[in-house]
Amino acid sequence: MYDYDLLVVGSANADLVIDVERRPAAGETVLGSDLAVHPGGKGANQAVAAARLGARTALLARVGDDGHGRLLLDSLRAAGVDTGGVLVGGAPTGVALITVDPSGDNSIVVSPGANGRLTPRDVRAAANLFRISRVVSAQLEIPLETVVEVVRSLAPGSRFVLNPSPPRPLPAEVLAACDPLIVNEHEAKVILGEAAGAGDEPVDWARLLLAKGPKSVVVTLGSDGALVASAEGVARIASVRVDAVDTTGAGDSFTAALAWKLGAGASLAEAAAYAARVGAVAVTRRGAQESFPTAAEVDAL
């Protein structure tokens, strides 16, 4: 029996958000809206998104002993996330500087702060969390060596989900554990590198990524939906048409929903279709964690 449906190992940031009419070119200054500060970070976002949907969720992360860290802890607890694994201190809380244009598209620069101090030793010290978690999810806003240790700490029978963002080449040990590896177009191309035949077709990316060792792959395509790939083949997942306001955190809500549904026994295609609906609700609202829906709101879409 698992105590947690999902253990998220990853980052926790304060999101500093400014709306702009357009993003500046090199050397250019543009005026924006008043600064808004939101709880964020890919790890904390995934944990909150899953908990809002009803998953029993825990987070292993590190924040600073500062106002931004307290903001994050308050948001996590309010959503129902178990924060016993959130370590405090060692560096200031990570910060993401985000600009959002009128179409809802964003650009993000991250200062890792305390996220860069989440170490393999911290993962080993949290061994009990891994033993009692059905699915473990990670991202790359924490050190890669820490993600490698996460893979080595997985309990027999648990499932590992990775969104390699920000993207970088991955060791074979990590790729082999992914079930699934979840990437967007940019992340797919970075991981594939100079792979022969990568081309411009998402179905080719999915097949080439699968050949690198993951048990399954999901390629997210924004308004064009997603592709899921496994030994059973490649399938397209339709998008849900909505009027996007802010895409910040949408990918995190997608990953969290998919990981939770997989742990509950859904097929990869079923989980991805549900996750697409969760992401669709999220982009109709501003902010990251504040935008994540409950299960009832997803069902009403």
Protein backbone atom coordinates (compact mmCIF):
# COMPACT_ATOMS: atom_id res chain seq x y z
CA MET A 1 0.00 0.00 0.00
CA TYR A 2 1.38 3.40 -0.99
CA ASP A 3 0.95 6.44 1.27
CA TYR A 4 1.44 8.83 -1.68
CA ASP A 5 0.07 8.73 -5.20
CA LEU A 6 2.86 11.08 -6.31
CA LEU A 7 6.21 12.16 -4.93
CA VAL A 8 7.59 15.20 -6.76
CA VAL A 9 11.33 15.87 -6.52
CA GLY A 10 12.18 19.26 -7.91
CA SER A 11 12.31 23.00 -7.75
CA ALA A 12 10.38 25.60 -5.80
CA ASN A 13 10.62 29.21 -7.00
CA ALA A 14 9.01 32.57 -6.48
CA ASP A 15 7.64 33.68 -9.87
CA LEU A 16 8.16 37.41 -10.53
CA VAL A 17 5.76 38.18 -13.38
CA ILE A 18 5.41 41.25 -15.62
CA ASP A 19 2.93 41.59 -18.48
CA VAL A 20 4.43 43.23 -21.58
CA GLU A 21 3.06 44.31 -24.95
CA ARG A 22 6.00 42.51 -26.54
CA ARG A 23 9.19 40.95 -25.32
CA PRO A 24 12.27 43.18 -25.72
CA ALA A 25 14.89 42.64 -28.38
CA ALA A 26 18.59 42.65 -27.49
CA GLY A 27 19.54 46.00 -25.95
CA GLU A 28 15.92 47.19 -25.85
CA THR A 29 13.88 48.36 -22.85
CA VAL A 30 10.08 47.98 -22.77
CA LEU A 31 7.58 49.02 -20.12
CA GLY A 32 5.41 46.43 -18.43
CA SER A 33 2.72 46.02 -15.82
CA ASP A 34 3.13 46.15 -12.05
CA LEU A 35 5.23 43.29 -10.71
CA ALA A 36 3.23 40.30 -9.43
CA VAL A 37 4.81 37.64 -7.18
CA HIS A 38 3.42 34.10 -7.32
CA PRO A 39 4.52 30.75 -5.88
CA GLY A 40 6.04 28.62 -8.64
CA GLY A 41 8.90 26.37 -9.70
CA LYS A 42 8.34 23.22 -11.73
CA GLY A 43 8.51 20.89 -8.74
CA ALA A 44 6.22 22.91 -6.49
CA ASN A 45 3.87 23.53 -9.42
CA GLN A 46 3.53 19.83 -10.16
CA ALA A 47 2.92 19.03 -6.50
CA VAL A 48 0.19 21.66 -6.16
CA ALA A 49 -1.44 20.67 -9.45
CA ALA A 50 -1.62 17.01 -8.43
CA ALA A 51 -2.92 17.78 -4.94
CA ARG A 52 -5.63 20.06 -6.37
CA LEU A 53 -6.81 17.14 -8.51
CA GLY A 54 -7.07 14.92 -5.43
CA ALA A 55 -3.76 13.05 -5.51
CA ARG A 56 -2.01 12.28 -2.22
CA THR A 57 1.14 14.26 -2.93
CA ALA A 58 4.50 14.89 -1.28
CA LEU A 59 7.32 17.23 -2.35
CA LEU A 60 11.07 16.86 -1.88
CA ALA A 61 12.63 20.28 -2.52
CA ARG A 62 14.67 23.05 -0.92
CA VAL A 63 13.71 26.69 -0.27
CA GLY A 64 15.45 29.57 1.46
CA ASP A 65 14.70 30.78 4.96
CA ASP A 66 13.09 33.93 3.57
CA GLY A 67 9.79 35.48 2.54
CA HIS A 68 9.69 33.71 -0.80
CA GLY A 69 10.23 30.37 0.93
CA ARG A 70 7.37 31.03 3.32
CA LEU A 71 5.14 32.02 0.39
CA LEU A 72 5.85 28.67 -1.25
CA LEU A 73 5.29 26.62 1.88
CA ASP A 74 1.98 28.37 2.53
CA SER A 75 0.79 27.67 -1.02
CA LEU A 76 1.84 24.02 -0.89
CA ARG A 77 0.11 23.41 2.42
CA ALA A 78 -3.03 25.21 1.31
CA ALA A 79 -3.26 22.84 -1.66
CA GLY A 80 -2.84 19.80 0.58
CA VAL A 81 0.76 18.89 -0.33
CA ASP A 82 2.79 17.11 2.35
CA THR A 83 5.76 19.45 2.90
CA GLY A 84 7.68 17.23 5.30
CA GLY A 85 10.28 16.72 2.59
CA VAL A 86 10.78 20.44 1.87
CA LEU A 87 14.17 21.46 3.27
CA VAL A 88 14.77 25.06 4.39
CA GLY A 89 18.02 27.03 4.21
CA GLY A 90 21.38 26.87 2.51
CA ALA A 91 20.67 29.63 -0.05
CA PRO A 92 17.94 32.11 -0.96
CA THR A 93 14.76 30.71 -2.50
CA GLY A 94 14.95 30.30 -6.26
CA VAL A 95 13.41 33.03 -8.40
CA ALA A 96 11.92 32.96 -11.90
CA LEU A 97 11.71 36.20 -13.87
CA ILE A 98 8.73 35.87 -16.25
CA THR A 99 7.39 38.14 -18.99
CA VAL A 100 3.97 37.40 -20.48
CA ASP A 101 2.83 38.86 -23.81
CA PRO A 102 -0.80 39.60 -24.83
CA SER A 103 -1.19 36.17 -26.46
CA GLY A 104 -0.36 34.45 -23.16
CA ASP A 105 3.08 33.23 -24.26
CA ASN A 106 5.88 33.63 -21.75
CA SER A 107 9.66 33.89 -21.49
CA ILE A 108 11.37 32.75 -18.29
CA VAL A 109 14.80 33.21 -16.71
CA VAL A 110 15.45 31.20 -13.54
CA SER A 111 17.90 31.92 -10.72
CA PRO A 112 18.10 28.48 -9.04
CA GLY A 113 19.08 29.62 -5.54
CA ALA A 114 18.25 26.89 -3.03
CA ASN A 115 17.16 24.53 -5.81
CA GLY A 116 20.82 24.15 -6.78
CA ARG A 117 21.54 22.93 -3.24
CA LEU A 118 19.14 19.97 -3.39
CA THR A 119 21.76 17.22 -3.38
CA PRO A 120 21.98 13.45 -3.87
CA ARG A 121 22.55 13.23 -0.12
CA ASP A 122 19.15 14.89 0.42
CA VAL A 123 17.57 12.26 -1.83
CA ARG A 124 19.22 9.40 0.08
CA ALA A 125 18.05 10.92 3.37
CA ALA A 126 14.47 10.83 2.07
CA ALA A 127 14.56 7.11 1.26
CA ASN A 128 11.33 6.45 3.15
CA LEU A 129 9.42 8.86 0.89
CA PHE A 130 10.46 6.81 -2.14
CA ARG A 131 9.40 3.53 -0.52
CA ILE A 132 5.84 4.76 0.02
CA SER A 133 5.23 6.62 -3.28
CA ARG A 134 3.49 5.02 -6.26
CA VAL A 135 4.85 7.48 -8.87
CA VAL A 136 7.91 9.75 -8.68
CA SER A 137 8.18 12.84 -10.89
CA ALA A 138 11.20 15.08 -11.51
CA GLN A 139 12.40 17.96 -13.69
CA LEU A 140 15.78 19.57 -14.39
CA GLU A 141 15.60 22.78 -12.35
CA ILE A 142 17.62 20.84 -9.76
CA PRO A 143 21.13 19.38 -10.31
CA LEU A 144 21.30 16.49 -12.79
CA GLU A 145 23.27 14.39 -10.32
CA THR A 146 20.31 14.71 -7.94
CA VAL A 147 17.95 13.41 -10.62
CA VAL A 148 20.31 10.48 -11.20
CA GLU A 149 20.10 9.70 -7.48
CA VAL A 150 16.29 9.87 -7.69
CA VAL A 151 16.38 7.16 -10.35
CA ARG A 152 18.65 5.02 -8.18
CA SER A 153 16.31 5.50 -5.19
CA LEU A 154 13.11 4.34 -6.89
CA ALA A 155 11.26 1.60 -5.04
CA PRO A 156 10.52 -1.66 -6.89
CA GLY A 157 7.24 -1.26 -8.75
CA SER A 158 7.15 2.54 -8.65
CA ARG A 159 6.99 4.60 -11.85
CA PHE A 160 9.29 7.46 -12.85
CA VAL A 161 8.09 10.46 -14.88
CA LEU A 162 10.56 13.09 -16.12
CA ASN A 163 10.02 16.46 -17.76
CA PRO A 164 13.60 17.43 -18.79
CA SER A 165 13.16 21.18 -18.46
CA PRO A 166 15.34 23.14 -18.87
CA PRO A 167 16.61 20.55 -21.36
CA ARG A 168 20.07 19.03 -21.52
CA PRO A 169 21.51 15.72 -22.72
CA LEU A 170 20.53 12.90 -20.36
CA PRO A 171 22.54 9.87 -19.24
CA ALA A 172 21.30 6.47 -20.39
CA GLU A 173 20.52 5.49 -16.80
CA VAL A 174 17.96 8.30 -16.49
CA LEU A 175 16.45 7.78 -19.95
CA ALA A 176 15.94 4.07 -19.28
CA ALA A 177 13.93 4.82 -16.14
CA CYS A 178 11.48 7.27 -17.79
CA ASP A 179 7.91 6.03 -18.15
CA PRO A 180 7.21 8.46 -19.70
CA LEU A 181 9.71 11.09 -20.76
CA ILE A 182 7.60 14.24 -21.34
CA VAL A 183 8.99 16.87 -23.73
CA ASN A 184 7.88 19.82 -25.80
CA GLU A 185 9.36 20.60 -29.22
CA HIS A 186 12.38 22.50 -27.88
CA GLU A 187 13.18 19.87 -25.24
CA ALA A 188 12.84 17.06 -27.78
CA LYS A 189 15.34 18.68 -30.16
CA VAL A 190 17.90 19.31 -27.40
CA ILE A 191 17.78 15.73 -26.18
CA LEU A 192 17.90 14.33 -29.72
CA GLY A 193 20.84 16.57 -30.59
CA GLU A 194 22.19 15.67 -34.01
CA ALA A 195 20.20 12.45 -34.24
CA ALA A 196 19.96 11.33 -37.83
CA GLY A 197 16.49 11.69 -39.28
CA ALA A 198 15.11 13.92 -36.51
CA GLY A 199 13.48 16.20 -39.10
CA ASP A 200 10.56 18.49 -38.33
CA GLU A 201 7.83 15.92 -37.72
CA PRO A 202 6.82 15.33 -34.07
CA VAL A 203 6.08 11.68 -34.80
CA ASP A 204 9.74 11.26 -35.80
CA TRP A 205 10.89 12.93 -32.59
CA ALA A 206 8.70 10.60 -30.55
CA ARG A 207 10.08 7.47 -32.24
CA LEU A 208 13.70 8.62 -32.03
CA LEU A 209 13.32 9.55 -28.37
CA LEU A 210 11.78 6.16 -27.65
CA ALA A 211 14.78 4.52 -29.32
CA LYS A 212 17.05 6.26 -26.81
CA GLY A 213 15.72 4.04 -24.02
CA PRO A 214 12.61 5.44 -22.26
CA LYS A 215 9.76 2.99 -21.72
CA SER A 216 7.39 5.63 -23.11
CA VAL A 217 7.46 9.18 -24.47
CA VAL A 218 4.98 12.06 -24.58
CA VAL A 219 5.58 15.02 -26.91
CA THR A 220 3.42 18.04 -26.06
CA LEU A 221 2.48 20.25 -29.02
CA GLY A 222 0.64 23.19 -27.42
CA SER A 223 -2.58 23.97 -29.27
CA ASP A 224 -1.97 20.94 -31.51
CA GLY A 225 -2.35 18.50 -28.64
CA ALA A 226 0.24 15.81 -27.92
CA LEU A 227 1.75 12.55 -29.14
CA VAL A 228 2.23 9.47 -26.97
CA ALA A 229 4.69 6.76 -27.94
CA SER A 230 5.47 3.35 -26.48
CA ALA A 231 6.22 -0.17 -27.68
CA GLU A 232 2.56 -0.30 -28.74
CA GLY A 233 3.04 2.53 -31.26
CA VAL A 234 2.43 6.27 -31.58
CA ALA A 235 -0.94 7.94 -31.00
CA ARG A 236 -2.09 11.55 -31.27
CA ILE A 237 -3.95 13.22 -28.41
CA ALA A 238 -6.34 15.99 -29.43
CA SER A 239 -6.06 19.44 -27.89
CA VAL A 240 -8.85 21.22 -26.01
CA ARG A 241 -9.65 24.60 -27.57
CA VAL A 242 -9.73 27.47 -25.09
CA ASP A 243 -8.83 31.18 -25.04
CA ALA A 244 -5.36 31.23 -23.48
CA VAL A 245 -4.56 34.02 -21.04
CA ASP A 246 -1.26 32.83 -19.51
CA THR A 247 0.62 29.62 -20.31
CA THR A 248 2.84 29.81 -17.20
CA GLY A 249 2.72 26.47 -15.41
CA ALA A 250 0.55 24.76 -18.02
CA GLY A 251 3.19 22.13 -18.78
CA ASP A 252 3.61 21.44 -15.07
CA SER A 253 -0.11 20.86 -14.60
CA PHE A 254 -0.08 18.53 -17.64
CA THR A 255 2.80 16.48 -16.22
CA ALA A 256 1.25 16.26 -12.76
CA ALA A 257 -2.13 15.16 -14.08
CA LEU A 258 -0.58 12.57 -16.38
CA ALA A 259 1.63 11.14 -13.62
CA TRP A 260 -1.32 10.86 -11.23
CA LYS A 261 -3.59 9.17 -13.76
CA LEU A 262 -0.88 6.69 -14.75
CA GLY A 263 -0.46 5.74 -11.12
CA ALA A 264 -4.22 5.23 -10.87
CA GLY A 265 -4.08 2.67 -13.68
CA ALA A 266 -4.94 4.73 -16.78
CA SER A 267 -3.29 3.93 -20.09
CA LEU A 268 -0.74 6.40 -21.43
CA ALA A 269 -3.23 7.76 -24.00
CA GLU A 270 -6.00 8.06 -21.40
CA ALA A 271 -3.72 9.85 -18.96
CA ALA A 272 -2.46 12.25 -21.65
CA ALA A 273 -6.00 13.09 -22.77
CA TYR A 274 -6.97 13.93 -19.19
CA ALA A 275 -3.77 15.93 -18.72
CA ALA A 276 -4.59 17.95 -21.86
CA ARG A 277 -7.89 18.97 -20.27
CA VAL A 278 -6.13 19.99 -17.06
CA GLY A 279 -3.63 22.11 -18.99
CA ALA A 280 -6.44 23.69 -20.99
CA VAL A 281 -8.15 24.94 -17.83
CA ALA A 282 -4.85 26.24 -16.44
CA VAL A 283 -4.07 28.48 -19.44
CA THR A 284 -7.39 30.32 -19.08
CA ARG A 285 -6.19 31.80 -15.75
CA ARG A 286 -3.26 33.95 -14.74
CA GLY A 287 -0.34 32.72 -12.68
CA ALA A 288 0.96 29.21 -12.20
CA GLN A 289 -0.25 27.54 -9.02
CA GLU A 290 -3.27 29.83 -8.76
CA SER A 291 -4.41 28.64 -12.19
CA PHE A 292 -4.47 24.90 -11.48
CA PRO A 293 -7.95 23.35 -11.48
CA THR A 294 -9.68 20.90 -9.20
CA ALA A 295 -10.93 17.59 -10.58
CA ALA A 296 -14.48 18.97 -10.58
CA GLU A 297 -13.41 21.94 -12.71
CA VAL A 298 -11.73 19.62 -15.21
CA ASP A 299 -14.83 17.44 -15.41
CA ALA A 300 -16.92 20.54 -16.11
CA LEU A 301 -14.77 21.57 -19.09
